[in-house]
Protein backbone atom coordinates (compact mmCIF):
# COMPACT_ATOMS: atom_id res chain seq x y z
CA MET A 1 3.14 13.10 -22.14
CA PRO A 2 2.33 10.84 -20.37
CA VAL A 3 3.26 10.90 -16.55
CA SER A 4 5.92 8.97 -14.48
CA GLU A 5 5.67 6.15 -12.68
CA VAL A 6 3.62 5.60 -10.31
CA HIS A 7 5.61 7.04 -6.77
CA HIS A 8 4.07 5.97 -3.59
CA VAL A 9 1.31 4.26 -3.07
CA ALA A 10 -0.81 5.46 0.37
CA MET A 11 -2.44 2.37 3.33
CA SER A 12 -4.14 3.97 5.76
CA VAL A 13 -4.22 1.31 8.77
CA SER A 14 -5.03 1.02 12.14
CA ASP A 15 -1.38 0.09 13.68
CA LEU A 16 1.85 1.77 12.12
CA GLU A 17 4.05 -0.38 14.02
CA ARG A 18 2.39 -3.77 13.01
CA SER A 19 2.20 -2.99 9.35
CA ALA A 20 5.09 -1.43 8.54
CA THR A 21 6.52 -4.56 10.15
CA PHE A 22 4.59 -6.53 8.20
CA TYR A 23 5.82 -4.93 4.68
CA GLU A 24 9.13 -4.69 6.63
CA GLN A 25 10.19 -8.50 6.73
CA GLY A 26 7.12 -9.91 4.80
CA LEU A 27 8.00 -7.98 1.30
CA GLY A 28 11.64 -7.48 2.25
CA TYR A 29 11.19 -3.23 1.64
CA ARG A 30 13.22 -1.29 3.69
CA ARG A 31 11.99 2.17 6.30
CA THR A 32 12.75 5.14 5.02
CA LEU A 33 10.79 8.81 5.95
CA ARG A 34 9.05 8.58 9.07
CA ALA A 35 7.15 11.55 9.80
CA GLU A 36 3.50 13.00 11.43
CA VAL A 37 1.26 15.16 8.76
CA LYS A 38 -1.12 17.75 10.36
CA GLY A 39 -2.41 20.63 10.11
CA ASP A 40 -4.52 23.03 7.77
CA ASP A 41 -2.78 23.16 4.53
CA ILE A 42 -2.80 18.31 4.85
CA GLU A 43 -6.77 18.26 5.89
CA ARG A 44 -7.34 21.07 3.29
CA SER A 45 -5.16 19.07 0.83
CA LEU A 46 -6.90 16.05 1.87
CA GLY A 47 -10.34 16.41 2.59
CA LEU A 48 -9.71 15.44 6.80
CA PRO A 49 -11.75 17.37 9.21
CA PRO A 50 -10.35 19.65 11.01
CA GLY A 51 -7.76 18.17 14.02
CA THR A 52 -6.19 15.13 12.26
CA VAL A 53 -3.01 13.97 12.14
CA GLY A 54 -1.05 10.81 10.55
CA GLN A 55 2.10 9.04 11.82
CA VAL A 56 3.83 8.51 8.22
CA GLN A 57 5.73 5.50 7.16
CA TYR A 58 7.07 4.80 3.86
CA LEU A 59 9.41 1.92 2.68
CA GLN A 60 10.90 1.30 -0.46
CA GLY A 61 12.15 -1.46 -2.33
CA PRO A 62 14.77 -1.85 -4.82
CA SER A 63 14.22 1.61 -6.36
CA GLN A 64 12.35 5.04 -5.13
CA ILE A 65 9.23 3.74 -7.60
CA GLY A 66 6.95 2.54 -6.03
CA GLN A 67 7.38 2.49 -2.68
CA LEU A 68 4.24 2.77 0.62
CA GLU A 69 3.39 5.28 2.67
CA LEU A 70 0.87 3.75 5.45
CA ILE A 71 -0.30 6.30 7.96
CA GLN A 72 -1.49 5.51 10.96
CA TRP A 73 -4.69 8.87 11.86
CA SER A 74 -6.55 10.27 14.68
CA THR A 75 -8.67 13.49 14.97
CA GLY A 76 -8.04 15.35 17.87
CA GLU A 77 -10.45 12.52 19.29
CA GLY A 78 -8.94 10.00 18.58
CA ARG A 79 -10.51 8.73 16.12
CA PRO A 80 -9.29 8.13 12.74
CA PRO A 81 -11.49 10.15 10.13
CA ALA A 82 -14.40 8.52 7.73
CA GLN A 83 -12.70 7.11 4.95
CA ASP A 84 -15.73 7.32 2.31
CA HIS A 85 -13.39 6.25 -0.13
CA ALA A 86 -12.42 3.34 1.12
CA VAL A 87 -15.32 2.23 -1.11
CA TYR A 88 -13.99 2.72 -4.46
CA GLY A 89 -10.38 2.82 -4.51
CA PRO A 90 -7.38 -0.35 -5.26
CA PHE A 91 -8.89 -3.55 -5.62
CA LEU A 92 -5.04 -5.16 -4.74
CA LEU A 93 -1.59 -4.15 -4.26
CA SER A 94 0.66 -6.58 -6.67
CA PHE A 95 4.67 -6.93 -6.43
CA GLN A 96 6.46 -8.76 -9.12
CA VAL A 97 8.99 -11.63 -7.45
CA PRO A 98 11.15 -14.58 -8.99
CA LYS A 99 8.92 -17.70 -10.02
CA ASP A 100 11.84 -19.64 -6.86
CA GLU A 101 10.84 -16.96 -4.37
CA LEU A 102 7.37 -16.79 -4.71
CA ARG A 103 6.85 -20.09 -2.24
CA GLU A 104 9.19 -18.58 0.29
CA VAL A 105 7.51 -15.03 -0.08
CA PHE A 106 4.31 -16.16 0.31
CA ASP A 107 4.94 -18.18 3.97
CA ARG A 108 6.76 -15.47 5.77
CA LEU A 109 4.42 -13.31 4.51
CA VAL A 110 1.23 -16.12 6.00
CA ALA A 111 4.01 -16.23 9.98
CA LEU A 112 3.70 -11.92 9.88
CA GLY A 113 -0.39 -13.01 10.27
CA GLY A 114 -1.16 -12.24 7.11
CA THR A 115 -4.44 -14.34 5.90
CA PRO A 116 -3.70 -16.06 2.25
CA LEU A 117 -7.32 -16.57 0.27
CA SER A 118 -4.61 -19.75 -1.67
CA GLU A 119 -2.22 -21.25 -2.15
CA PRO A 120 -0.22 -20.33 -4.46
CA ILE A 121 -2.02 -20.97 -8.31
CA ARG A 122 -0.96 -21.49 -12.18
CA SER A 123 -2.86 -20.18 -14.10
CA VAL A 124 -2.14 -18.93 -17.63
CA LEU A 125 -3.28 -15.11 -19.26
CA GLU A 126 -4.20 -15.24 -22.23
CA ASN A 127 -1.57 -14.07 -24.69
CA TYR A 128 0.76 -13.99 -22.36
CA GLY A 129 1.89 -16.82 -20.92
CA PRO A 130 1.70 -18.86 -17.48
CA ILE A 131 1.45 -17.02 -14.04
CA ASP A 132 2.14 -17.69 -11.03
CA ALA A 133 -0.01 -15.82 -8.72
CA VAL A 134 -1.43 -15.62 -4.57
CA ALA A 135 -4.01 -13.21 -3.05
CA ILE A 136 -3.01 -12.40 0.95
CA ARG A 137 -5.04 -9.92 3.56
CA ASP A 138 -2.02 -8.15 5.30
CA PRO A 139 -2.73 -7.60 8.86
CA ASP A 140 -5.89 -4.60 8.31
CA GLY A 141 -7.76 -6.23 5.21
CA ALA A 142 -6.19 -4.89 2.28
CA LEU A 143 -5.20 -6.87 -0.44
CA LEU A 144 -2.14 -8.10 -1.83
CA GLU A 145 -0.71 -9.81 -4.88
CA LEU A 146 2.32 -11.96 -5.17
CA VAL A 147 2.91 -12.65 -8.74
CA ALA A 148 5.64 -14.59 -10.50
CA LEU A 149 5.44 -13.43 -14.25
CA PRO A 150 7.21 -15.50 -17.78
CA THR A 151 10.48 -14.09 -18.50
CA ARG A 152 9.88 -12.35 -21.91
CA ASP A 153 11.27 -15.61 -24.34
CA GLU A 154 8.79 -17.50 -22.28
CA ILE A 155 6.17 -14.63 -23.54
CA VAL A 156 7.42 -14.66 -26.55
CA ALA A 157 7.61 -18.45 -26.97
CA PHE A 158 3.82 -19.44 -25.59
CA ARG A 159 3.07 -17.09 -28.45
CA ALA A 160 4.73 -18.58 -30.15
CA ALA A 161 3.61 -22.08 -29.59
CA GLY A 162 -0.34 -20.43 -29.83
CA ASP A 163 -0.24 -19.31 -33.85
CA ALA A 164 1.08 -22.77 -34.48
CA ALA A 165 -1.56 -24.42 -32.51
CA GLY A 166 -3.77 -22.16 -34.74
CA ALA A 167 -2.59 -22.51 -37.20
CA GLU A 168 -2.92 -26.88 -37.55
CA SER A 169 -6.29 -26.09 -36.45
CA ALA A 170 -6.39 -24.22 -40.19
């Protein structure tokens, strides 16, 4: 039996308040749980160096599924722990937005310090249909994607048009 959807994604950040403001104001997420995580159990379960302390801020979108957990780490010496997992890990975080709100969310994230890789681009995903998407780096360089997906009816129409075009060329 499969497990549930992704409950939350944890991201290490250099400035908890700056990052929380970026996601709160940029995506319209709301702050929920704020906590400090530390101690032997956390160190053992996450493979952290002794003395590591994390300041945590959860942000939630329209549901409890897909929350963001932002963590600002420090060790007893005040330095963040080594993050060998940074080399291999999430490529990007993708957020679905309505087509008519894509530009507004894009502009808001850029105004909050996000760095766009391009303007929004429309591309066609094979056997799916046209999507509008853009990638933006958050203040720590994490890559976010905003994507406006076609409706179910648009996907069906796209596939039907492809089938009709394929039948005509045969």
